[in-house]
C-alpha atoms as a PDB file:
ATOM      1  CA  MET A   1       7.312   2.717  -8.257  1.00  0.00           C
ATOM      2  CA  ALA A   2       9.920   1.772  -5.958  1.00  0.00           C
ATOM      3  CA  ILE A   3       8.909   1.099  -2.034  1.00  0.00           C
ATOM      4  CA  ARG A   4      11.116   2.866   0.251  1.00  0.00           C
ATOM      5  CA  VAL A   5      11.795   1.969   3.672  1.00  0.00           C
ATOM      6  CA  ALA A   6      12.877   4.492   6.290  1.00  0.00           C
ATOM      7  CA  ARG A   7      15.785   3.292   8.358  1.00  0.00           C
ATOM      8  CA  LYS A   8      16.530   3.867  11.969  1.00  0.00           C
ATOM      9  CA  PRO A   9      19.358   6.535  12.135  1.00  0.00           C
ATOM     10  CA  SER A  10      22.532   4.655  13.455  1.00  0.00           C
ATOM     11  CA  ASP A  11      22.926   7.515  15.929  1.00  0.00           C
ATOM     12  CA  ALA A  12      19.475   7.563  17.076  1.00  0.00           C
ATOM     13  CA  TYR A  13      18.081   5.544  20.228  1.00  0.00           C
ATOM     14  CA  GLN A  14      14.583   5.158  18.631  1.00  0.00           C
ATOM     15  CA  HIS A  15      13.265   5.009  14.893  1.00  0.00           C
ATOM     16  CA  GLY A  16      10.923   7.845  15.139  1.00  0.00           C
ATOM     17  CA  SER A  17       8.166   6.713  12.831  1.00  0.00           C
ATOM     18  CA  LEU A  18       8.525   2.767  13.270  1.00  0.00           C
ATOM     19  CA  ARG A  19       5.008   1.780  12.657  1.00  0.00           C
ATOM     20  CA  GLN A  20       4.944   3.314   9.195  1.00  0.00           C
ATOM     21  CA  ALA A  21       8.547   2.148   8.402  1.00  0.00           C
ATOM     22  CA  LEU A  22       7.235  -1.388   9.257  1.00  0.00           C
ATOM     23  CA  VAL A  23       4.214  -1.075   7.128  1.00  0.00           C
ATOM     24  CA  GLN A  24       6.635  -0.149   4.177  1.00  0.00           C
ATOM     25  CA  ALA A  25       9.101  -2.769   4.984  1.00  0.00           C
ATOM     26  CA  GLY A  26       5.951  -5.459   4.763  1.00  0.00           C
ATOM     27  CA  LEU A  27       4.653  -4.047   1.801  1.00  0.00           C
ATOM     28  CA  LYS A  28       8.419  -4.207   0.013  1.00  0.00           C
ATOM     29  CA  LEU A  29       8.552  -7.725   1.077  1.00  0.00           C
ATOM     30  CA  LEU A  30       5.443  -9.043  -0.058  1.00  0.00           C
ATOM     31  CA  SER A  31       5.802  -7.057  -3.447  1.00  0.00           C
ATOM     32  CA  GLU A  32       9.116  -8.369  -4.047  1.00  0.00           C
ATOM     33  CA  GLY A  33       8.764 -12.178  -2.477  1.00  0.00           C
ATOM     34  CA  GLY A  34       5.246 -12.699  -1.799  1.00  0.00           C
ATOM     35  CA  ALA A  35       3.574 -13.966   1.342  1.00  0.00           C
ATOM     36  CA  GLY A  36       6.550 -16.205   2.194  1.00  0.00           C
ATOM     37  CA  ALA A  37       9.020 -13.463   2.119  1.00  0.00           C
ATOM     38  CA  LEU A  38       7.164 -11.416   4.820  1.00  0.00           C
ATOM     39  CA  SER A  39       8.187 -11.881   8.624  1.00  0.00           C
ATOM     40  CA  LEU A  40       8.042  -9.592  11.513  1.00  0.00           C
ATOM     41  CA  ARG A  41      11.788 -10.280  11.522  1.00  0.00           C
ATOM     42  CA  ALA A  42      12.398  -9.511   8.223  1.00  0.00           C
ATOM     43  CA  ALA A  43      10.422  -6.353   8.230  1.00  0.00           C
ATOM     44  CA  ALA A  44      12.551  -5.267  11.237  1.00  0.00           C
ATOM     45  CA  GLN A  45      15.745  -5.873   9.421  1.00  0.00           C
ATOM     46  CA  LEU A  46      14.704  -3.596   6.647  1.00  0.00           C
ATOM     47  CA  ALA A  47      13.695  -1.015   8.983  1.00  0.00           C
ATOM     48  CA  GLY A  48      17.161  -1.188  10.750  1.00  0.00           C
ATOM     49  CA  VAL A  49      15.695  -1.925  14.187  1.00  0.00           C
ATOM     50  CA  SER A  50      15.949  -5.240  16.671  1.00  0.00           C
ATOM     51  CA  HIS A  51      13.949  -8.175  15.850  1.00  0.00           C
ATOM     52  CA  ALA A  52      11.658  -7.468  18.930  1.00  0.00           C
ATOM     53  CA  ALA A  53      10.800  -3.829  18.097  1.00  0.00           C
ATOM     54  CA  PRO A  54       7.826  -4.616  15.826  1.00  0.00           C
ATOM     55  CA  TYR A  55       5.825  -6.090  18.622  1.00  0.00           C
ATOM     56  CA  ARG A  56       5.140  -2.835  19.890  1.00  0.00           C
ATOM     57  CA  HIS A  57       3.010  -2.384  17.220  1.00  0.00           C
ATOM     58  CA  PHE A  58       2.196  -5.655  15.746  1.00  0.00           C
ATOM     59  CA  ARG A  59       1.082  -8.816  17.602  1.00  0.00           C
ATOM     60  CA  ASP A  60       1.974 -10.851  14.610  1.00  0.00           C
ATOM     61  CA  LYS A  61       2.559 -10.875  11.079  1.00  0.00           C
ATOM     62  CA  ASP A  62      -1.359 -11.097  10.166  1.00  0.00           C
ATOM     63  CA  ALA A  63      -1.523  -7.582  12.133  1.00  0.00           C
ATOM     64  CA  LEU A  64       1.049  -6.403   9.880  1.00  0.00           C
ATOM     65  CA  VAL A  65      -0.696  -7.446   6.768  1.00  0.00           C
ATOM     66  CA  SER A  66      -3.710  -5.866   7.912  1.00  0.00           C
ATOM     67  CA  ALA A  67      -2.286  -2.681   8.652  1.00  0.00           C
ATOM     68  CA  ILE A  68      -0.528  -2.620   4.954  1.00  0.00           C
ATOM     69  CA  ALA A  69      -4.221  -3.476   3.522  1.00  0.00           C
ATOM     70  CA  GLU A  70      -5.783  -0.684   6.055  1.00  0.00           C
ATOM     71  CA  GLN A  71      -3.461   1.964   4.308  1.00  0.00           C
ATOM     72  CA  GLY A  72      -3.672   0.770   0.834  1.00  0.00           C
ATOM     73  CA  PHE A  73      -7.571   1.356   1.306  1.00  0.00           C
ATOM     74  CA  LEU A  74      -7.175   4.941   2.474  1.00  0.00           C
ATOM     75  CA  LEU A  75      -5.026   5.513  -0.202  1.00  0.00           C
ATOM     76  CA  LEU A  76      -7.220   4.160  -2.850  1.00  0.00           C
ATOM     77  CA  THR A  77     -10.093   6.458  -1.340  1.00  0.00           C
ATOM     78  CA  GLU A  78      -8.044   9.379  -1.399  1.00  0.00           C
ATOM     79  CA  ALA A  79      -7.035   8.615  -5.014  1.00  0.00           C
ATOM     80  CA  MET A  80     -10.684   8.025  -6.018  1.00  0.00           C
ATOM     81  CA  GLN A  81     -12.078  11.170  -4.025  1.00  0.00           C
ATOM     82  CA  ALA A  82      -9.338  13.402  -5.520  1.00  0.00           C
ATOM     83  CA  GLU A  83     -10.342  12.374  -9.142  1.00  0.00           C
ATOM     84  CA  LEU A  84     -14.262  13.118  -8.218  1.00  0.00           C
ATOM     85  CA  GLY A  85     -12.916  16.373  -6.826  1.00  0.00           C
ATOM     86  CA  ARG A  86     -11.272  17.520 -10.350  1.00  0.00           C
ATOM     87  CA  CYS A  87     -14.574  16.299 -12.180  1.00  0.00           C
ATOM     88  CA  ARG A  88     -16.651  19.365 -13.154  1.00  0.00           C
ATOM     89  CA  HIS A  89     -19.825  17.330 -13.981  1.00  0.00           C
ATOM     90  CA  GLU A  90     -22.624  16.570 -11.477  1.00  0.00           C
ATOM     91  CA  ASP A  91     -23.934  13.573 -13.651  1.00  0.00           C
ATOM     92  CA  ALA A  92     -23.364  10.223 -12.377  1.00  0.00           C
ATOM     93  CA  PRO A  93     -21.968   8.681 -15.573  1.00  0.00           C
ATOM     94  CA  ARG A  94     -19.272  11.346 -15.757  1.00  0.00           C
ATOM     95  CA  ARG A  95     -18.562  10.928 -11.879  1.00  0.00           C
ATOM     96  CA  LEU A  96     -18.312   7.255 -12.307  1.00  0.00           C
ATOM     97  CA  GLY A  97     -15.711   7.713 -14.872  1.00  0.00           C
ATOM     98  CA  ALA A  98     -13.890   9.960 -12.625  1.00  0.00           C
ATOM     99  CA  LEU A  99     -13.898   7.294 -10.030  1.00  0.00           C
ATOM    100  CA  GLY A 100     -12.522   4.815 -12.319  1.00  0.00           C
ATOM    101  CA  GLN A 101      -9.845   6.882 -13.367  1.00  0.00           C
ATOM    102  CA  GLY A 102      -8.746   7.544  -9.772  1.00  0.00           C
ATOM    103  CA  TYR A 103      -8.637   3.787  -9.133  1.00  0.00           C
ATOM    104  CA  ILE A 104      -6.633   2.763 -12.182  1.00  0.00           C
ATOM    105  CA  GLY A 105      -4.310   5.757 -11.526  1.00  0.00           C
ATOM    106  CA  PHE A 106      -3.825   4.406  -7.861  1.00  0.00           C
ATOM    107  CA  ALA A 107      -3.484   0.984  -9.221  1.00  0.00           C
ATOM    108  CA  LEU A 108      -0.543   1.953 -11.577  1.00  0.00           C
ATOM    109  CA  ALA A 109       1.269   4.328  -8.808  1.00  0.00           C
ATOM    110  CA  HIS A 110       0.534   1.764  -5.932  1.00  0.00           C
ATOM    111  CA  PRO A 111       0.610  -1.920  -7.345  1.00  0.00           C
ATOM    112  CA  GLY A 112       1.948  -3.564  -4.315  1.00  0.00           C
ATOM    113  CA  TYR A 113      -0.785  -1.921  -2.127  1.00  0.00           C
ATOM    114  CA  LEU A 114      -3.717  -3.526  -4.569  1.00  0.00           C
ATOM    115  CA  ARG A 115      -2.336  -6.845  -4.480  1.00  0.00           C
ATOM    116  CA  VAL A 116      -2.278  -6.694  -0.794  1.00  0.00           C
ATOM    117  CA  ILE A 117      -5.729  -5.754  -0.730  1.00  0.00           C
ATOM    118  CA  PHE A 118      -7.184  -8.223  -2.961  1.00  0.00           C
ATOM    119  CA  GLY A 119      -4.530 -10.676  -3.267  1.00  0.00           C
ATOM    120  CA  GLY A 120      -5.692 -13.223  -0.626  1.00  0.00           C
ATOM    121  CA  VAL A 121      -2.921 -12.825   1.921  1.00  0.00           C
ATOM    122  CA  ILE A 122      -5.296 -10.728   4.586  1.00  0.00           C
ATOM    123  CA  ASP A 123      -6.571 -13.126   7.507  1.00  0.00           C
ATOM    124  CA  LYS A 124     -10.248 -12.779   6.938  1.00  0.00           C
ATOM    125  CA  THR A 125     -11.338 -14.997   9.564  1.00  0.00           C
ATOM    126  CA  ASN A 126     -10.948 -11.965  12.232  1.00  0.00           C
ATOM    127  CA  PRO A 127      -9.998  -8.709  10.644  1.00  0.00           C
ATOM    128  CA  PRO A 128      -9.460  -5.718  12.623  1.00  0.00           C
ATOM    129  CA  GLU A 129     -12.103  -2.871  12.706  1.00  0.00           C
ATOM    130  CA  GLY A 130      -9.868  -0.391  11.246  1.00  0.00           C
ATOM    131  CA  LEU A 131      -9.292  -2.645   8.016  1.00  0.00           C
ATOM    132  CA  LEU A 132     -13.194  -3.360   7.827  1.00  0.00           C
ATOM    133  CA  ILE A 133     -14.010   0.726   8.341  1.00  0.00           C
ATOM    134  CA  ALA A 134     -11.185   1.652   5.812  1.00  0.00           C
ATOM    135  CA  GLY A 135     -12.578  -0.919   3.360  1.00  0.00           C
ATOM    136  CA  GLN A 136     -16.029   0.257   3.638  1.00  0.00           C
ATOM    137  CA  ARG A 137     -15.290   3.595   3.247  1.00  0.00           C
ATOM    138  CA  ALA A 138     -13.578   2.916  -0.179  1.00  0.00           C
ATOM    139  CA  TYR A 139     -16.676   0.988  -1.411  1.00  0.00           C
ATOM    140  CA  ASP A 140     -19.090   3.600   0.152  1.00  0.00           C
ATOM    141  CA  VAL A 141     -17.231   6.235  -2.458  1.00  0.00           C
ATOM    142  CA  LEU A 142     -18.476   4.135  -5.481  1.00  0.00           C
ATOM    143  CA  ARG A 143     -21.635   3.199  -4.004  1.00  0.00           C
ATOM    144  CA  GLY A 144     -22.740   6.651  -3.084  1.00  0.00           C
ATOM    145  CA  VAL A 145     -22.321   8.051  -6.662  1.00  0.00           C
ATOM    146  CA  VAL A 146     -23.987   4.968  -8.143  1.00  0.00           C
ATOM    147  CA  ALA A 147     -27.157   5.257  -5.514  1.00  0.00           C
ATOM    148  CA  ARG A 148     -27.720   8.886  -6.524  1.00  0.00           C
ATOM    149  CA  GLY A 149     -27.492   8.150 -10.435  1.00  0.00           C
ATOM    150  CA  LEU A 150     -30.129   5.738  -9.751  1.00  0.00           C
ATOM    151  CA  GLU A 151     -32.354   7.733  -7.557  1.00  0.00           C
ATOM    152  CA  ALA A 152     -32.005  10.728 -10.150  1.00  0.00           C
ATOM    153  CA  GLY A 153     -32.807   8.154 -13.213  1.00  0.00           C
ATOM    154  CA  GLU A 154     -29.308   8.668 -14.939  1.00  0.00           C
ATOM    155  CA  LEU A 155     -28.444   5.110 -14.250  1.00  0.00           C
ATOM    156  CA  SER A 156     -30.033   1.586 -14.772  1.00  0.00           C
ATOM    157  CA  GLY A 157     -29.040  -1.952 -13.934  1.00  0.00           C
ATOM    158  CA  GLY A 158     -30.584  -2.823 -10.632  1.00  0.00           C
ATOM    159  CA  ASP A 159     -29.931  -1.884  -7.177  1.00  0.00           C
ATOM    160  CA  PRO A 160     -27.082   0.063  -5.935  1.00  0.00           C
ATOM    161  CA  ASP A 161     -24.807  -2.757  -4.895  1.00  0.00           C
ATOM    162  CA  THR A 162     -25.315  -4.837  -8.083  1.00  0.00           C
ATOM    163  CA  VAL A 163     -24.402  -1.994 -10.325  1.00  0.00           C
ATOM    164  CA  ALA A 164     -21.567  -0.965  -7.874  1.00  0.00           C
ATOM    165  CA  LEU A 165     -19.989  -4.240  -7.849  1.00  0.00           C
ATOM    166  CA  ALA A 166     -20.328  -4.315 -11.629  1.00  0.00           C
ATOM    167  CA  CYS A 167     -18.572  -1.268 -12.198  1.00  0.00           C
ATOM    168  CA  TRP A 168     -15.774  -2.221  -9.625  1.00  0.00           C
ATOM    169  CA  SER A 169     -15.222  -5.417 -11.205  1.00  0.00           C
ATOM    170  CA  MET A 170     -14.678  -3.859 -14.638  1.00  0.00           C
ATOM    171  CA  VAL A 171     -12.036  -1.518 -13.336  1.00  0.00           C
ATOM    172  CA  HIS A 172     -10.580  -3.727 -11.206  1.00  0.00           C
ATOM    173  CA  GLY A 173     -10.049  -6.205 -13.788  1.00  0.00           C
ATOM    174  CA  PHE A 174      -8.542  -4.063 -16.066  1.00  0.00           C
ATOM    175  CA  SER A 175      -6.058  -2.598 -13.106  1.00  0.00           C
ATOM    176  CA  MET A 176      -4.941  -5.839 -12.648  1.00  0.00           C
ATOM    177  CA  LEU A 177      -4.055  -6.458 -16.171  1.00  0.00           C
ATOM    178  CA  CYS A 178      -2.010  -3.511 -16.204  1.00  0.00           C
ATOM    179  CA  ILE A 179       0.080  -4.019 -13.025  1.00  0.00           C
ATOM    180  CA  ASP A 180       0.433  -7.916 -13.772  1.00  0.00           C
ATOM    181  CA  GLN A 181       1.728  -6.802 -17.301  1.00  0.00           C
ATOM    182  CA  ALA A 182      -0.716  -9.268 -18.737  1.00  0.00           C
ATOM    183  CA  LEU A 183      -1.474  -6.629 -21.841  1.00  0.00           C
ATOM    184  CA  PRO A 184       0.804  -6.834 -24.821  1.00  0.00           C
ATOM    185  CA  SER A 185       4.252  -5.209 -24.595  1.00  0.00           C
ATOM    186  CA  PHE A 186       3.565  -2.253 -26.615  1.00  0.00           C
ATOM    187  CA  VAL A 187       0.982  -0.976 -24.274  1.00  0.00           C
ATOM    188  CA  ASP A 188       2.941   1.218 -21.805  1.00  0.00           C
ATOM    189  CA  ARG A 189       1.901   3.224 -18.875  1.00  0.00           C
ATOM    190  CA  LYS A 190       0.497   6.351 -21.383  1.00  0.00           C
ATOM    191  CA  THR A 191      -1.499   3.932 -23.386  1.00  0.00           C
ATOM    192  CA  GLN A 192      -2.822   2.127 -20.234  1.00  0.00           C
ATOM    193  CA  LEU A 193      -4.074   5.397 -18.998  1.00  0.00           C
ATOM    194  CA  LYS A 194      -5.397   6.052 -22.556  1.00  0.00           C
ATOM    195  CA  ILE A 195      -7.228   2.570 -22.674  1.00  0.00           C
ATOM    196  CA  GLY A 196      -8.298   3.242 -18.859  1.00  0.00           C
ATOM    197  CA  ALA A 197      -9.881   6.527 -20.012  1.00  0.00           C
ATOM    198  CA  GLN A 198     -11.974   4.965 -23.005  1.00  0.00           C
ATOM    199  CA  MET A 199     -12.888   1.833 -20.699  1.00  0.00           C
ATOM    200  CA  VAL A 200     -14.475   3.870 -18.129  1.00  0.00           C
ATOM    201  CA  ARG A 201     -16.429   5.969 -20.950  1.00  0.00           C
ATOM    202  CA  LEU A 202     -17.875   2.622 -22.154  1.00  0.00           C
ATOM    203  CA  LEU A 203     -18.780   1.895 -18.918  1.00  0.00           C
ATOM    204  CA  ALA A 204     -20.573   5.282 -17.949  1.00  0.00           C
ATOM    205  CA  VAL A 205     -22.563   4.653 -21.230  1.00  0.00           C
ATOM    206  CA  GLY A 206     -23.331   1.112 -20.416  1.00  0.00           C
ATOM    207  CA  VAL A 207     -25.042   2.054 -17.154  1.00  0.00           C
ATOM    208  CA  GLN A 208     -26.774   5.098 -18.286  1.00  0.00           C
ATOM    209  CA  THR A 209     -30.417   4.919 -18.687  1.00  0.00           C
ATOM    210  CA  PRO A 210     -31.348   4.753 -22.395  1.00  0.00           C
ATOM    211  CA  ALA A 211     -32.990   8.041 -22.090  1.00  0.00           C
ATOM    212  CA  LYS A 212     -29.762   9.587 -21.321  1.00  0.00           C
ATOM    213  CA  ARG A 213     -27.536   8.268 -23.912  1.00  0.00           C
END
């Protein structure tokens, strides 16, 4: 999906939505050129504002990257919750499947965000509170389904964090294979979604208690 950056109209004094435009500009720069291509100056140029304008919102490049990652986590959470809302079943295995579909759908629609979140470009020495909260919220969606499934005897495999991390790792790994184009060339987007659906079904069966299979 093409990343569009809203530029300041030539006849306007201010941009109007500068912070969001800079986030999109930073995402575009990271997606197309990697960490070396990102700077506040380059983001400002894409947004059509002065080189000093970004400093009203971001103290430095790391702050911009954190903002991009925070927005990515928020969109990921929305995608998973949307699939969960469409799930007509209350049992944990099928709700886990819905979360997996939401995750894969997000990855295919927003690969740039997924790479920023997990691609090693975030400064983890002192992450802002907003980023930590957004990341925890995304994880808690998954952990909550797992915890309820373990408590109800529908899932097995250990404590909630162990099972949740195992499920996340499997779905994330497949998502990265898709967006990095590491799958065979005949696997188009439609096929990726079909494989993803099959994978999350197998995942759901794998974490079910034997009596529920």
